[in-house]
């Protein structure tokens, strides 16, 4: 299986970005999908999660109310809409798929929030 993230870039504080994660090589609809991020010098932290059907989402306190995770099982993809971005959101963002002991990670996409 493979996950490929895209959509990162440089954005000013207060701006928005939408990250995408394309999945292949496994039964995407069976997997819980998550976004994580890792800032320089810090540990990787969980950002958001969505259940297999897309009806249940969870967010870390640091992004709640600003980020929205969604998925399209027909297109084997998950996205992360990020609004009201802050400099502290700067990080490498990773997509993760998990089902039991099966676990896939993407290579990450860089998000930089700076004026």
C-alpha atoms as a PDB file:
ATOM      1  CA  UNK A   1       0.000   0.000   0.000  1.00  0.00           C
ATOM      2  CA  UNK A   2       0.961   3.603  -0.579  1.00  0.00           C
ATOM      3  CA  UNK A   3      -0.070   7.058   0.602  1.00  0.00           C
ATOM      4  CA  UNK A   4       0.926  10.227  -1.249  1.00  0.00           C
ATOM      5  CA  UNK A   5       0.317  13.650   0.257  1.00  0.00           C
ATOM      6  CA  UNK A   6       0.076  16.918  -1.648  1.00  0.00           C
ATOM      7  CA  UNK A   7      -1.166  20.459  -1.233  1.00  0.00           C
ATOM      8  CA  UNK A   8       1.413  21.863   1.135  1.00  0.00           C
ATOM      9  CA  UNK A   9       3.117  25.197   0.622  1.00  0.00           C
ATOM     10  CA  UNK A  10       3.852  28.631   2.008  1.00  0.00           C
ATOM     11  CA  UNK A  11       0.928  30.645   3.332  1.00  0.00           C
ATOM     12  CA  UNK A  12       0.581  33.824   5.364  1.00  0.00           C
ATOM     13  CA  UNK A  13      -0.833  33.754   8.892  1.00  0.00           C
ATOM     14  CA  UNK A  14      -4.611  33.682   8.749  1.00  0.00           C
ATOM     15  CA  UNK A  15      -4.587  31.970   5.386  1.00  0.00           C
ATOM     16  CA  UNK A  16      -5.868  28.574   4.284  1.00  0.00           C
ATOM     17  CA  UNK A  17      -4.520  25.421   2.677  1.00  0.00           C
ATOM     18  CA  UNK A  18      -6.067  22.116   1.736  1.00  0.00           C
ATOM     19  CA  UNK A  19      -3.957  18.994   1.990  1.00  0.00           C
ATOM     20  CA  UNK A  20      -4.715  15.836   0.046  1.00  0.00           C
ATOM     21  CA  UNK A  21      -3.720  12.229   0.545  1.00  0.00           C
ATOM     22  CA  UNK A  22      -4.157   9.665  -2.219  1.00  0.00           C
ATOM     23  CA  UNK A  23      -4.205   6.003  -1.238  1.00  0.00           C
ATOM     24  CA  UNK A  24      -3.480   2.957  -3.353  1.00  0.00           C
ATOM     25  CA  UNK A  25      -2.736  -0.720  -2.946  1.00  0.00           C
ATOM     26  CA  UNK A  26      -5.073  -1.465  -0.045  1.00  0.00           C
ATOM     27  CA  UNK A  27      -8.781  -1.400   0.800  1.00  0.00           C
ATOM     28  CA  UNK A  28      -8.987   2.251   1.686  1.00  0.00           C
ATOM     29  CA  UNK A  29     -12.584   2.159   2.924  1.00  0.00           C
ATOM     30  CA  UNK A  30     -11.640  -0.241   5.726  1.00  0.00           C
ATOM     31  CA  UNK A  31      -8.988   2.041   7.201  1.00  0.00           C
ATOM     32  CA  UNK A  32      -9.264   4.784   9.761  1.00  0.00           C
ATOM     33  CA  UNK A  33      -7.407   7.778   8.359  1.00  0.00           C
ATOM     34  CA  UNK A  34      -5.362  10.252  10.364  1.00  0.00           C
ATOM     35  CA  UNK A  35      -3.237  13.318   9.804  1.00  0.00           C
ATOM     36  CA  UNK A  36      -0.121  13.918  11.858  1.00  0.00           C
ATOM     37  CA  UNK A  37       2.461  16.673  11.773  1.00  0.00           C
ATOM     38  CA  UNK A  38       6.040  17.138  12.866  1.00  0.00           C
ATOM     39  CA  UNK A  39       7.702  20.487  13.394  1.00  0.00           C
ATOM     40  CA  UNK A  40      11.492  20.855  13.402  1.00  0.00           C
ATOM     41  CA  UNK A  41      12.944  19.664  16.697  1.00  0.00           C
ATOM     42  CA  UNK A  42       9.618  18.337  17.927  1.00  0.00           C
ATOM     43  CA  UNK A  43       7.956  14.943  18.100  1.00  0.00           C
ATOM     44  CA  UNK A  44       5.333  13.911  15.615  1.00  0.00           C
ATOM     45  CA  UNK A  45       1.877  14.841  16.882  1.00  0.00           C
ATOM     46  CA  UNK A  46      -1.575  13.661  15.946  1.00  0.00           C
ATOM     47  CA  UNK A  47      -3.771  16.297  14.288  1.00  0.00           C
ATOM     48  CA  UNK A  48      -7.045  14.745  13.137  1.00  0.00           C
ATOM     49  CA  UNK A  49      -8.780  11.427  12.483  1.00  0.00           C
ATOM     50  CA  UNK A  50     -11.796  10.196  10.553  1.00  0.00           C
ATOM     51  CA  UNK A  51     -13.560   6.868  10.780  1.00  0.00           C
ATOM     52  CA  UNK A  52     -14.100   4.506   7.870  1.00  0.00           C
ATOM     53  CA  UNK A  53     -17.493   5.888   6.896  1.00  0.00           C
ATOM     54  CA  UNK A  54     -16.512   9.510   7.311  1.00  0.00           C
ATOM     55  CA  UNK A  55     -19.190  10.320   9.857  1.00  0.00           C
ATOM     56  CA  UNK A  56     -16.980  10.578  12.916  1.00  0.00           C
ATOM     57  CA  UNK A  57     -14.063  12.978  13.185  1.00  0.00           C
ATOM     58  CA  UNK A  58     -11.715  13.977  15.985  1.00  0.00           C
ATOM     59  CA  UNK A  59      -9.216  16.793  16.311  1.00  0.00           C
ATOM     60  CA  UNK A  60      -6.403  17.801  18.573  1.00  0.00           C
ATOM     61  CA  UNK A  61      -7.162  20.795  20.745  1.00  0.00           C
ATOM     62  CA  UNK A  62      -4.581  22.850  18.865  1.00  0.00           C
ATOM     63  CA  UNK A  63      -6.494  22.656  15.572  1.00  0.00           C
ATOM     64  CA  UNK A  64     -10.099  22.154  16.659  1.00  0.00           C
ATOM     65  CA  UNK A  65     -12.390  24.676  15.014  1.00  0.00           C
ATOM     66  CA  UNK A  66      -9.813  25.554  12.348  1.00  0.00           C
ATOM     67  CA  UNK A  67      -9.109  22.265  10.547  1.00  0.00           C
ATOM     68  CA  UNK A  68     -11.557  19.867   8.902  1.00  0.00           C
ATOM     69  CA  UNK A  69     -10.774  16.301   7.872  1.00  0.00           C
ATOM     70  CA  UNK A  70     -12.845  14.555   5.214  1.00  0.00           C
ATOM     71  CA  UNK A  71     -12.596  11.486   3.016  1.00  0.00           C
ATOM     72  CA  UNK A  72     -13.909  10.202  -0.290  1.00  0.00           C
ATOM     73  CA  UNK A  73     -13.958   6.407  -0.293  1.00  0.00           C
ATOM     74  CA  UNK A  74     -14.901   6.335  -3.981  1.00  0.00           C
ATOM     75  CA  UNK A  75     -11.709   8.210  -4.799  1.00  0.00           C
ATOM     76  CA  UNK A  76      -9.507   6.590  -2.128  1.00  0.00           C
ATOM     77  CA  UNK A  77      -8.566   9.958  -0.733  1.00  0.00           C
ATOM     78  CA  UNK A  78      -8.582  11.985   2.439  1.00  0.00           C
ATOM     79  CA  UNK A  79      -8.145  15.713   2.810  1.00  0.00           C
ATOM     80  CA  UNK A  80      -7.413  18.240   5.506  1.00  0.00           C
ATOM     81  CA  UNK A  81      -8.842  21.731   5.131  1.00  0.00           C
ATOM     82  CA  UNK A  82      -6.782  24.128   7.221  1.00  0.00           C
ATOM     83  CA  UNK A  83      -8.123  27.610   7.948  1.00  0.00           C
ATOM     84  CA  UNK A  84      -6.906  30.471  10.116  1.00  0.00           C
ATOM     85  CA  UNK A  85      -3.388  29.132   9.913  1.00  0.00           C
ATOM     86  CA  UNK A  86      -0.841  30.182  12.516  1.00  0.00           C
ATOM     87  CA  UNK A  87       2.958  30.148  12.440  1.00  0.00           C
ATOM     88  CA  UNK A  88       2.872  27.313  14.962  1.00  0.00           C
ATOM     89  CA  UNK A  89       1.081  25.173  12.364  1.00  0.00           C
ATOM     90  CA  UNK A  90       4.317  25.064  10.387  1.00  0.00           C
ATOM     91  CA  UNK A  91       5.311  21.417  10.059  1.00  0.00           C
ATOM     92  CA  UNK A  92       5.659  18.429   7.805  1.00  0.00           C
ATOM     93  CA  UNK A  93       2.176  16.924   7.549  1.00  0.00           C
ATOM     94  CA  UNK A  94       1.752  13.168   7.206  1.00  0.00           C
ATOM     95  CA  UNK A  95      -1.166  11.019   6.192  1.00  0.00           C
ATOM     96  CA  UNK A  96      -1.675   7.726   8.055  1.00  0.00           C
ATOM     97  CA  UNK A  97      -3.939   4.740   7.396  1.00  0.00           C
ATOM     98  CA  UNK A  98      -4.584   2.173  10.101  1.00  0.00           C
ATOM     99  CA  UNK A  99      -6.584  -1.044  10.280  1.00  0.00           C
ATOM    100  CA  UNK A 100      -5.662  -3.471  13.015  1.00  0.00           C
ATOM    101  CA  UNK A 101      -1.943  -4.121  12.699  1.00  0.00           C
ATOM    102  CA  UNK A 102      -1.846  -2.773   9.154  1.00  0.00           C
ATOM    103  CA  UNK A 103      -0.404   0.726   9.126  1.00  0.00           C
ATOM    104  CA  UNK A 104       0.670   2.960   6.227  1.00  0.00           C
ATOM    105  CA  UNK A 105       2.408   6.342   6.179  1.00  0.00           C
ATOM    106  CA  UNK A 106       2.976   8.856   3.447  1.00  0.00           C
ATOM    107  CA  UNK A 107       6.180  10.789   2.866  1.00  0.00           C
ATOM    108  CA  UNK A 108       4.728  14.075   4.094  1.00  0.00           C
ATOM    109  CA  UNK A 109       3.982  17.493   2.651  1.00  0.00           C
ATOM    110  CA  UNK A 110       5.491  20.679   4.046  1.00  0.00           C
ATOM    111  CA  UNK A 111       3.291  23.478   5.363  1.00  0.00           C
ATOM    112  CA  UNK A 112       4.963  26.768   6.218  1.00  0.00           C
ATOM    113  CA  UNK A 113       2.993  29.625   7.762  1.00  0.00           C
ATOM    114  CA  UNK A 114       4.956  32.837   7.627  1.00  0.00           C
ATOM    115  CA  UNK A 115       4.622  36.458   6.613  1.00  0.00           C
END
